[in-house]
Amino acid sequence: MTETLHIIGGGMAGSEAAWQAAQAGLSVVIHEMRPATGTFAHKTGDLAEMVCSNSFRSDDDEQNAVGLLHWEMRAAGGLIMEMADAHRLPAGGALAVDREAFARAVTERLRSHPRVSLSAGEITDLPDSGHWIIATGPLTSGPLAQAIQAETGAESLAFFDAIAPIVYAETIDMDIAWRQSRYDKGETEEERTAYINCPLDRAQYEAFIDALLAADKTTFHEGETAGYFDGCLPIEVMAERGRETPRHGPMKPVGLTNAHDPENKPYAVVQLRRDNALGTLFNIVGFQTKMKYGAQADVLRMIPGLEQAVFARLGGIHRNTFLNSPTLLDEQMRLKSRPHIRFAGQITGVEGYVESAAMGLLAGRMAAAEMGGTPLPQPPAETAMGALISHITGGADAKTFQPMNVNFGLFPPIDAKGGRRNRKDRYQAYTARAKTAWQGWLDRC
């Protein structure tokens, strides 16, 4: 193949799209504006930098839709999953990674690929010709976002996303906190003790919620509204929805026993998850926040075990822009008004690292197949990949379209004419059907 595929954005989706297209024989140029032009959340110029959590969520490919998506990406030779596996950290049943080592490894693999080159600099306009994938993610630069908006005529489709704080492990008081994964999940002792847990009694919880609600928060510019994605709500927004909401979400005490006081069940628990291979950094799970820095540190130090915490990074909030994909994209992820441009990743309306990379995988393969003269068939709707792309390119209601994680509710129902199954058996049936369908699709492609 002599034509070149251009990819704007070197995040999860752009990196995976480049890898898939290059492996298929295309020459690929990744256009990445960082580090010359930075963003609120990114700290480096590495490709596939993780800016929110360091977790790819559940790795269970028999009972969980995102675990199934992991399996499908591995089966397709996905770079993101290969590097995640190479740099994984103990995290119970989840796939968490050393984010810095992971991003460096992705960058090195792509830089060393003979058919991939990187071009530094910001792209500010939609290209008029050629073959392009726009994978600029939730922090698309202002000029390019304006160009997309001018082309699509769409109203502002922005919501606000928050990132969680990171604590230096040595500053956590382990005379109060203890190590344990929820329900002792994990195959090894290291995995079963992957999380650090901080217990709160009822009085401590109530005082924490009071402080959380009273703390100074980031405010929005006039005319902006905060439409948060429910899977990444700031902890204080949860509390605003009801004082007990955090205790039934990230602060739930179930599946945990306080090693220092096993007879007394905590009223609430704050969990911290390892953030790097050295085990020197831990992020506070589910504690995305829009609290201002000064107030944030004071409130978080009310958590037992974190009274002397030193933060490697405090939480923050950023704007997240996405397309109304059911209206604007065709089944091959092409912009209907300019079919030489595909979109991939979070900008398409999927949510999460894995989902973003998965859409990059499909976009890269679709572009390579089309440029080679043999367009790909659609991934089966019974697969995690197929369910996601079907949702964003027509399955969702365009009037209420919001970012979505992969979940079994997006899949065609199982046993439409059969009897009822319990959830465990039903999920296993979903995953078994998906694996067969995905492998069959790969064999045809």
Protein backbone atom coordinates (compact mmCIF):
# COMPACT_ATOMS: atom_id res chain seq x y z
CA MET A 1 0.00 0.00 0.00
CA THR A 2 1.41 3.40 -0.98
CA GLU A 3 -1.19 5.69 0.61
CA THR A 4 -0.68 7.08 4.09
CA LEU A 5 -3.14 7.06 6.95
CA HIS A 6 -3.01 10.17 9.13
CA ILE A 7 -4.15 9.98 12.76
CA ILE A 8 -4.79 13.09 14.84
CA GLY A 9 -4.20 12.33 18.51
CA GLY A 10 -1.87 9.89 20.20
CA GLY A 11 -4.02 8.76 23.10
CA MET A 12 -5.42 5.26 23.65
CA ALA A 13 -7.53 5.29 20.49
CA GLY A 14 -4.97 6.94 18.23
CA SER A 15 -2.16 4.66 19.40
CA GLU A 16 -4.23 1.50 18.89
CA ALA A 17 -5.51 2.69 15.50
CA ALA A 18 -1.93 3.38 14.36
CA TRP A 19 -0.74 -0.04 15.52
CA GLN A 20 -3.55 -1.93 13.81
CA ALA A 21 -3.19 -0.03 10.53
CA ALA A 22 0.60 -0.37 10.49
CA GLN A 23 0.38 -4.08 11.23
CA ALA A 24 -1.96 -4.35 8.25
CA GLY A 25 0.72 -2.81 6.02
CA LEU A 26 -0.19 0.89 5.95
CA SER A 27 2.18 3.79 6.39
CA VAL A 28 0.87 5.78 9.34
CA VAL A 29 1.57 9.28 10.64
CA ILE A 30 0.46 10.14 14.17
CA HIS A 31 -0.08 13.89 14.63
CA GLU A 32 0.28 14.69 18.35
CA MET A 33 0.26 18.25 19.69
CA ARG A 34 1.79 17.37 23.05
CA PRO A 35 4.08 18.36 24.65
CA ALA A 36 4.37 21.61 22.66
CA THR A 37 0.66 22.25 23.17
CA GLY A 38 -0.46 20.83 26.48
CA THR A 39 -3.81 20.10 28.10
CA PHE A 40 -5.21 20.52 31.57
CA ALA A 41 -4.70 16.88 32.50
CA HIS A 42 -1.69 15.60 30.53
CA LYS A 43 1.77 15.86 32.07
CA THR A 44 4.03 14.37 29.36
CA GLY A 45 4.35 14.00 25.62
CA ASP A 46 4.06 10.20 25.79
CA LEU A 47 1.46 8.41 23.72
CA ALA A 48 -1.42 6.70 25.54
CA GLU A 49 -0.86 8.74 28.71
CA MET A 50 -3.39 7.84 31.40
CA VAL A 51 -4.75 11.00 33.01
CA CYS A 52 -7.62 9.84 35.21
CA SER A 53 -7.46 6.37 36.75
CA ASN A 54 -4.71 3.80 36.20
CA SER A 55 -7.25 0.99 35.92
CA PHE A 56 -8.68 -0.77 32.88
CA ARG A 57 -11.36 -2.09 35.25
CA SER A 58 -12.39 -5.75 35.55
CA ASP A 59 -10.32 -8.37 33.72
CA ASP A 60 -12.98 -11.07 34.17
CA ASP A 61 -13.82 -12.18 30.63
CA GLU A 62 -16.64 -14.52 31.70
CA GLN A 63 -18.75 -12.32 33.95
CA ASN A 64 -17.97 -8.76 32.92
CA ALA A 65 -18.47 -6.90 29.65
CA VAL A 66 -15.27 -4.86 29.95
CA GLY A 67 -13.31 -8.02 30.73
CA LEU A 68 -14.77 -9.51 27.56
CA LEU A 69 -13.61 -6.41 25.67
CA HIS A 70 -10.10 -7.05 27.05
CA TRP A 71 -10.31 -10.59 25.64
CA GLU A 72 -11.44 -9.40 22.21
CA MET A 73 -8.64 -6.83 22.00
CA ARG A 74 -6.04 -9.42 23.00
CA ALA A 75 -7.39 -11.81 20.36
CA ALA A 76 -7.04 -9.03 17.77
CA GLY A 77 -3.38 -8.37 18.65
CA GLY A 78 -4.12 -5.10 20.43
CA LEU A 79 -1.10 -3.04 21.44
CA ILE A 80 -2.84 -1.36 24.37
CA MET A 81 -3.74 -4.67 26.01
CA GLU A 82 -0.29 -6.14 25.33
CA MET A 83 1.38 -3.22 27.06
CA ALA A 84 -1.19 -3.20 29.87
CA ASP A 85 -0.48 -6.87 30.55
CA ALA A 86 3.27 -6.19 30.49
CA HIS A 87 2.97 -3.41 33.09
CA ARG A 88 0.08 -4.62 35.24
CA LEU A 89 -0.04 -4.05 38.98
CA PRO A 90 -1.79 -6.14 41.64
CA ALA A 91 -5.39 -4.97 41.80
CA GLY A 92 -7.56 -7.91 42.78
CA GLY A 93 -9.74 -8.77 39.79
CA ALA A 94 -9.05 -5.50 38.01
CA LEU A 95 -6.37 -4.73 35.42
CA ALA A 96 -4.41 -1.78 36.79
CA VAL A 97 -1.11 -0.62 35.34
CA ASP A 98 1.96 1.42 36.14
CA ARG A 99 0.77 4.37 34.11
CA GLU A 100 4.17 5.92 33.36
CA ALA A 101 5.84 2.67 32.34
CA PHE A 102 2.79 1.74 30.28
CA ALA A 103 2.78 5.01 28.33
CA ARG A 104 6.54 4.87 27.73
CA ALA A 105 6.22 1.31 26.42
CA VAL A 106 3.40 2.21 24.01
CA THR A 107 5.42 5.19 22.78
CA GLU A 108 8.56 3.11 22.25
CA ARG A 109 6.71 0.38 20.36
CA LEU A 110 5.12 2.85 17.98
CA ARG A 111 8.26 4.94 17.49
CA SER A 112 10.21 1.80 16.62
CA HIS A 113 7.61 0.48 14.13
CA PRO A 114 9.01 0.80 10.58
CA ARG A 115 5.67 2.00 9.18
CA VAL A 116 4.80 4.53 11.89
CA SER A 117 6.08 8.08 12.20
CA LEU A 118 5.20 10.84 14.63
CA SER A 119 4.56 14.42 13.61
CA ALA A 120 4.67 17.07 16.34
CA GLY A 121 2.25 19.96 16.16
CA GLU A 122 -1.40 20.85 16.47
CA ILE A 123 -3.91 20.23 13.68
CA THR A 124 -6.50 23.00 13.79
CA ASP A 125 -8.69 22.36 10.73
CA LEU A 126 -10.47 19.40 9.21
CA PRO A 127 -8.42 17.98 6.32
CA ASP A 128 -9.94 18.30 2.84
CA SER A 129 -8.49 15.10 1.38
CA GLY A 130 -6.54 11.96 2.17
CA HIS A 131 -7.32 9.30 4.76
CA TRP A 132 -7.69 10.51 8.34
CA ILE A 133 -8.74 9.31 11.77
CA ILE A 134 -9.51 11.93 14.42
CA ALA A 135 -8.83 10.41 17.83
CA THR A 136 -8.30 13.55 19.88
CA GLY A 137 -10.14 12.27 22.91
CA PRO A 138 -11.99 14.21 25.57
CA LEU A 139 -9.55 17.13 25.48
CA THR A 140 -9.78 18.04 21.80
CA SER A 141 -8.05 21.39 21.29
CA GLY A 142 -10.24 24.47 20.95
CA PRO A 143 -9.47 25.27 17.29
CA LEU A 144 -10.05 21.70 16.11
CA ALA A 145 -13.22 21.39 18.20
CA GLN A 146 -14.50 24.58 16.60
CA ALA A 147 -13.71 23.22 13.15
CA ILE A 148 -15.62 20.01 13.93
CA GLN A 149 -18.53 22.01 15.29
CA ALA A 150 -18.58 24.23 12.22
CA GLU A 151 -18.69 21.15 9.98
CA THR A 152 -21.32 19.22 11.90
CA GLY A 153 -23.49 22.13 12.94
CA ALA A 154 -23.89 20.45 16.30
CA GLU A 155 -24.69 22.32 19.46
CA SER A 156 -22.14 22.14 22.26
CA LEU A 157 -21.85 18.52 23.34
CA ALA A 158 -19.60 18.98 26.34
CA PHE A 159 -19.71 17.51 29.80
CA PHE A 160 -17.19 17.83 32.60
CA ASP A 161 -14.90 15.05 33.76
CA ALA A 162 -12.97 14.92 37.02
CA ILE A 163 -9.74 13.19 38.00
CA ALA A 164 -8.84 11.59 41.32
CA PRO A 165 -6.03 12.54 43.72
CA ILE A 166 -2.82 10.48 44.13
CA VAL A 167 -1.15 9.99 47.52
CA TYR A 168 2.44 9.07 48.41
CA ALA A 169 2.19 5.62 50.01
CA GLU A 170 4.70 6.38 52.75
CA THR A 171 2.40 9.10 54.10
CA ILE A 172 -0.54 6.73 54.69
CA ASP A 173 -0.89 5.68 58.34
CA MET A 174 -0.91 1.88 58.21
CA ASP A 175 -1.65 1.69 61.94
CA ILE A 176 -5.14 2.80 60.90
CA ALA A 177 -5.39 1.59 57.30
CA TRP A 178 -4.98 -2.02 56.15
CA ARG A 179 -4.37 -3.90 52.91
CA GLN A 180 -7.19 -5.99 51.41
CA SER A 181 -8.99 -6.37 48.10
CA ARG A 182 -12.76 -6.42 48.37
CA TYR A 183 -13.96 -9.96 49.15
CA ASP A 184 -10.25 -10.96 49.18
CA LYS A 185 -10.49 -11.21 45.40
CA GLY A 186 -7.39 -12.32 43.53
CA GLU A 187 -5.41 -15.46 42.84
CA THR A 188 -2.28 -14.42 44.75
CA GLU A 189 -1.64 -12.88 48.15
CA GLU A 190 -0.36 -9.75 46.40
CA GLU A 191 -3.64 -9.39 44.50
CA ARG A 192 -5.72 -10.11 47.59
CA THR A 193 -3.96 -7.27 49.39
CA ALA A 194 -3.77 -4.87 46.45
CA TYR A 195 -5.85 -2.07 48.00
CA ILE A 196 -5.25 0.11 51.05
CA ASN A 197 -8.42 0.69 53.06
CA CYS A 198 -9.21 3.57 55.39
CA PRO A 199 -12.17 2.98 57.77
CA LEU A 200 -14.67 5.58 58.93
CA ASP A 201 -17.20 5.22 61.73
CA ARG A 202 -20.54 6.96 61.41
CA ALA A 203 -19.47 10.19 63.13
CA GLN A 204 -16.35 10.41 60.97
CA TYR A 205 -18.40 9.76 57.84
CA GLU A 206 -20.97 12.43 58.69
CA ALA A 207 -18.23 14.98 59.44
CA PHE A 208 -16.50 14.11 56.18
CA ILE A 209 -19.72 14.56 54.18
CA ASP A 210 -20.36 17.91 55.87
CA ALA A 211 -16.88 19.11 54.92
CA LEU A 212 -17.21 17.73 51.41
CA LEU A 213 -20.44 19.63 50.83
CA ALA A 214 -19.10 22.86 52.33
CA ALA A 215 -15.73 22.89 50.51
CA ASP A 216 -14.94 25.45 47.82
CA LYS A 217 -15.53 23.96 44.37
CA THR A 218 -14.48 24.80 40.86
CA THR A 219 -17.12 26.97 39.22
CA PHE A 220 -18.05 27.08 35.56
CA HIS A 221 -18.10 29.94 33.14
CA GLU A 222 -21.42 31.63 32.47
CA GLY A 223 -23.53 29.53 30.14
CA GLU A 224 -21.69 26.28 30.88
CA THR A 225 -23.53 23.44 32.53
CA ALA A 226 -21.97 20.43 34.21
CA GLY A 227 -23.35 17.28 32.63
CA TYR A 228 -21.22 14.62 34.30
CA PHE A 229 -20.88 11.08 33.06
CA ASP A 230 -22.44 8.94 35.82
CA GLY A 231 -19.50 6.50 35.84
CA CYS A 232 -17.09 9.29 36.80
CA LEU A 233 -19.08 11.55 39.15
CA PRO A 234 -17.09 13.82 41.45
CA ILE A 235 -17.37 12.55 45.01
CA GLU A 236 -18.99 15.79 46.16
CA VAL A 237 -21.64 15.53 43.42
CA MET A 238 -22.50 12.08 44.75
CA ALA A 239 -22.89 13.57 48.22
CA GLU A 240 -25.13 16.32 46.83
CA ARG A 241 -27.42 13.60 45.47
CA GLY A 242 -27.81 12.18 48.97
CA ARG A 243 -25.60 11.92 52.04
CA GLU A 244 -25.58 8.12 51.88
CA THR A 245 -24.79 7.96 48.15
CA PRO A 246 -20.97 7.75 48.54
CA ARG A 247 -21.43 5.00 51.16
CA HIS A 248 -23.24 2.91 48.56
CA GLY A 249 -20.67 3.79 45.89
CA PRO A 250 -16.90 4.18 46.25
CA MET A 251 -17.08 4.32 50.07
CA LYS A 252 -19.09 1.12 50.52
CA PRO A 253 -17.76 -1.04 53.38
CA VAL A 254 -18.90 -4.42 52.05
CA GLY A 255 -16.45 -7.27 51.47
CA LEU A 256 -13.84 -5.76 53.80
CA THR A 257 -12.70 -6.58 57.34
CA ASN A 258 -10.63 -4.09 59.33
CA ALA A 259 -7.43 -5.96 60.19
CA HIS A 260 -6.90 -3.67 63.22
CA ASP A 261 -10.44 -4.15 64.58
CA PRO A 262 -12.04 -7.22 62.95
CA GLU A 263 -15.02 -7.32 65.31
CA ASN A 264 -16.30 -3.87 64.33
CA LYS A 265 -17.55 -3.26 60.80
CA PRO A 266 -16.66 0.21 59.44
CA TYR A 267 -19.57 2.45 58.54
CA ALA A 268 -17.72 3.46 55.35
CA VAL A 269 -14.36 2.71 53.74
CA VAL A 270 -12.14 4.75 51.44
CA GLN A 271 -10.01 2.56 49.15
CA LEU A 272 -6.69 3.47 47.55
CA ARG A 273 -5.30 1.54 44.59
CA ARG A 274 -1.64 1.17 43.68
CA ASP A 275 -0.69 3.57 40.89
CA ASN A 276 2.86 2.53 39.97
CA ALA A 277 5.05 -0.59 39.95
CA LEU A 278 7.19 0.65 42.83
CA GLY A 279 4.12 0.89 45.04
CA THR A 280 5.08 4.42 46.07
CA LEU A 281 1.89 6.05 44.74
CA PHE A 282 -1.76 5.21 45.41
CA ASN A 283 -4.84 6.84 43.88
CA ILE A 284 -8.04 7.32 45.88
CA VAL A 285 -10.59 5.09 44.17
CA GLY A 286 -13.76 6.85 43.01
CA PHE A 287 -12.65 10.21 44.42
CA GLN A 288 -12.78 12.30 41.28
CA THR A 289 -13.34 15.81 42.52
CA LYS A 290 -13.89 19.44 41.58
CA MET A 291 -12.85 20.73 45.02
CA LYS A 292 -10.30 23.54 44.87
CA TYR A 293 -6.80 22.49 45.85
CA GLY A 294 -6.56 24.03 49.31
CA ALA A 295 -9.96 22.81 50.43
CA GLN A 296 -9.38 19.45 48.79
CA ALA A 297 -6.26 18.64 50.80
CA ASP A 298 -7.96 19.66 54.06
CA VAL A 299 -11.05 17.56 53.39
CA LEU A 300 -9.14 14.47 52.26
CA ARG A 301 -6.94 14.59 55.37
CA MET A 302 -10.11 14.08 57.44
CA ILE A 303 -10.10 10.47 56.23
CA PRO A 304 -8.64 8.21 58.95
CA GLY A 305 -5.19 7.10 57.84
CA LEU A 306 -4.73 10.10 55.57
CA GLU A 307 -4.29 12.75 58.26
CA GLN A 308 -0.65 13.28 57.22
CA ALA A 309 -1.13 12.45 53.54
CA VAL A 310 1.11 14.14 51.00
CA PHE A 311 -0.37 14.34 47.52
CA ALA A 312 1.60 13.64 44.36
CA ARG A 313 -1.38 15.05 42.44
CA LEU A 314 -4.59 16.62 43.62
CA GLY A 315 -7.83 16.02 41.78
CA GLY A 316 -9.20 18.36 39.17
CA ILE A 317 -11.82 18.87 36.52
CA HIS A 318 -11.73 19.31 32.77
CA ARG A 319 -14.02 19.77 29.84
CA ASN A 320 -14.84 16.67 27.83
CA THR A 321 -16.25 16.99 24.31
CA PHE A 322 -17.93 14.28 22.27
CA LEU A 323 -19.86 13.93 19.01
CA ASN A 324 -23.50 13.03 18.61
CA SER A 325 -22.26 9.97 16.78
CA PRO A 326 -25.64 8.35 15.98
CA THR A 327 -26.40 11.41 13.87
CA LEU A 328 -22.97 12.20 12.45
CA LEU A 329 -21.14 8.90 11.86
CA ASP A 330 -21.86 5.98 9.54
CA GLU A 331 -21.37 2.30 10.41
CA GLN A 332 -17.70 2.50 9.39
CA MET A 333 -17.15 5.39 11.87
CA ARG A 334 -16.81 7.87 9.00
CA LEU A 335 -18.10 11.41 9.19
CA LYS A 336 -21.10 11.33 6.89
CA SER A 337 -20.38 14.78 5.46
CA ARG A 338 -16.69 13.98 4.91
CA PRO A 339 -16.27 10.21 4.58
CA HIS A 340 -12.49 10.45 4.19
CA ILE A 341 -12.45 11.27 7.94
CA ARG A 342 -13.09 8.67 10.62
CA PHE A 343 -13.45 9.30 14.33
CA ALA A 344 -12.28 7.02 17.12
CA GLY A 345 -12.06 6.97 20.90
CA GLN A 346 -13.89 9.00 23.52
CA ILE A 347 -14.85 11.72 21.08
CA THR A 348 -17.24 9.19 19.51
CA GLY A 349 -19.19 8.83 22.76
CA VAL A 350 -17.65 5.79 24.38
CA GLU A 351 -16.34 6.15 27.91
CA GLY A 352 -13.25 4.57 29.41
CA TYR A 353 -9.71 3.71 28.41
CA VAL A 354 -10.58 0.26 27.09
CA GLU A 355 -13.60 1.38 25.12
CA SER A 356 -11.58 4.22 23.58
CA ALA A 357 -8.78 1.88 22.56
CA ALA A 358 -11.32 -0.60 21.19
CA MET A 359 -12.82 2.01 18.89
CA GLY A 360 -9.28 2.90 17.80
CA LEU A 361 -8.66 -0.76 17.01
CA LEU A 362 -11.75 -0.91 14.81
CA ALA A 363 -11.06 2.45 13.14
CA GLY A 364 -7.50 1.41 12.29
CA ARG A 365 -8.61 -1.90 10.85
CA MET A 366 -11.49 -0.34 8.94
CA ALA A 367 -9.24 2.32 7.42
CA ALA A 368 -6.63 -0.25 6.38
CA ALA A 369 -9.24 -2.52 4.81
CA GLU A 370 -10.92 0.32 2.93
CA MET A 371 -7.60 1.66 1.65
CA GLY A 372 -6.74 -1.87 0.55
CA GLY A 373 -9.94 -2.12 -1.49
CA THR A 374 -11.79 -4.63 0.70
CA PRO A 375 -13.92 -2.92 3.36
CA LEU A 376 -14.43 -4.84 6.58
CA PRO A 377 -17.77 -6.38 7.47
CA GLN A 378 -19.37 -5.00 10.61
CA PRO A 379 -18.29 -6.71 13.82
CA PRO A 380 -21.09 -8.96 15.06
CA ALA A 381 -23.48 -7.19 17.40
CA GLU A 382 -23.11 -10.14 19.79
CA THR A 383 -19.50 -9.12 20.51
CA ALA A 384 -18.35 -6.36 22.85
CA MET A 385 -16.79 -4.47 19.93
CA GLY A 386 -19.90 -4.88 17.83
CA ALA A 387 -22.21 -3.85 20.65
CA LEU A 388 -20.24 -0.64 21.23
CA ILE A 389 -20.00 0.42 17.61
CA SER A 390 -23.65 -0.44 17.00
CA HIS A 391 -24.61 1.73 19.97
CA ILE A 392 -22.66 4.81 18.91
CA THR A 393 -23.45 4.63 15.19
CA GLY A 394 -27.19 4.19 15.40
CA GLY A 395 -28.31 2.06 18.31
CA ALA A 396 -28.53 4.95 20.77
CA ASP A 397 -31.22 7.63 20.79
CA ALA A 398 -29.56 10.70 19.26
CA LYS A 399 -31.72 13.04 21.37
CA THR A 400 -30.42 11.66 24.66
CA PHE A 401 -27.00 10.39 23.56
CA GLN A 402 -24.41 10.37 26.36
CA PRO A 403 -21.02 8.65 26.75
CA MET A 404 -21.36 4.96 27.52
CA ASN A 405 -19.19 2.22 28.98
CA VAL A 406 -19.51 -1.25 27.48
CA ASN A 407 -22.16 -3.29 29.29
CA PHE A 408 -24.31 -6.33 28.58
CA GLY A 409 -27.35 -4.09 28.16
CA LEU A 410 -25.91 -3.10 24.74
CA PHE A 411 -25.84 -6.73 23.56
CA PRO A 412 -28.67 -8.53 21.75
CA PRO A 413 -30.64 -10.40 24.45
CA ILE A 414 -29.65 -13.96 25.21
CA ASP A 415 -32.27 -16.72 25.25
CA ALA A 416 -34.97 -14.55 23.70
CA LYS A 417 -37.25 -17.61 23.46
CA GLY A 418 -35.78 -19.67 26.28
CA GLY A 419 -36.29 -19.84 29.98
CA ARG A 420 -34.87 -17.55 32.60
CA ARG A 421 -31.27 -17.91 33.78
CA ASN A 422 -29.55 -16.51 36.81
CA ARG A 423 -27.26 -13.59 36.17
CA LYS A 424 -24.02 -15.59 36.40
CA ASP A 425 -25.19 -18.13 33.82
CA ARG A 426 -26.61 -15.38 31.62
CA TYR A 427 -23.33 -13.44 31.61
CA GLN A 428 -21.36 -16.60 30.82
CA ALA A 429 -23.72 -17.21 27.92
CA TYR A 430 -23.14 -13.66 26.66
CA THR A 431 -19.37 -14.05 26.81
CA ALA A 432 -19.30 -17.54 25.26
CA ARG A 433 -21.46 -16.35 22.37
CA ALA A 434 -19.33 -13.22 21.93
CA LYS A 435 -16.01 -15.09 21.88
CA THR A 436 -17.23 -17.47 19.18
CA ALA A 437 -18.60 -14.60 17.10
CA TRP A 438 -15.47 -12.45 17.54
CA GLN A 439 -13.09 -15.24 16.59
CA GLY A 440 -15.22 -15.97 13.54
CA TRP A 441 -15.10 -12.30 12.52
CA LEU A 442 -11.31 -12.18 12.93
CA ASP A 443 -10.95 -15.32 10.82
CA ARG A 444 -12.95 -13.70 8.02
CA CYS A 445 -10.95 -10.47 8.18
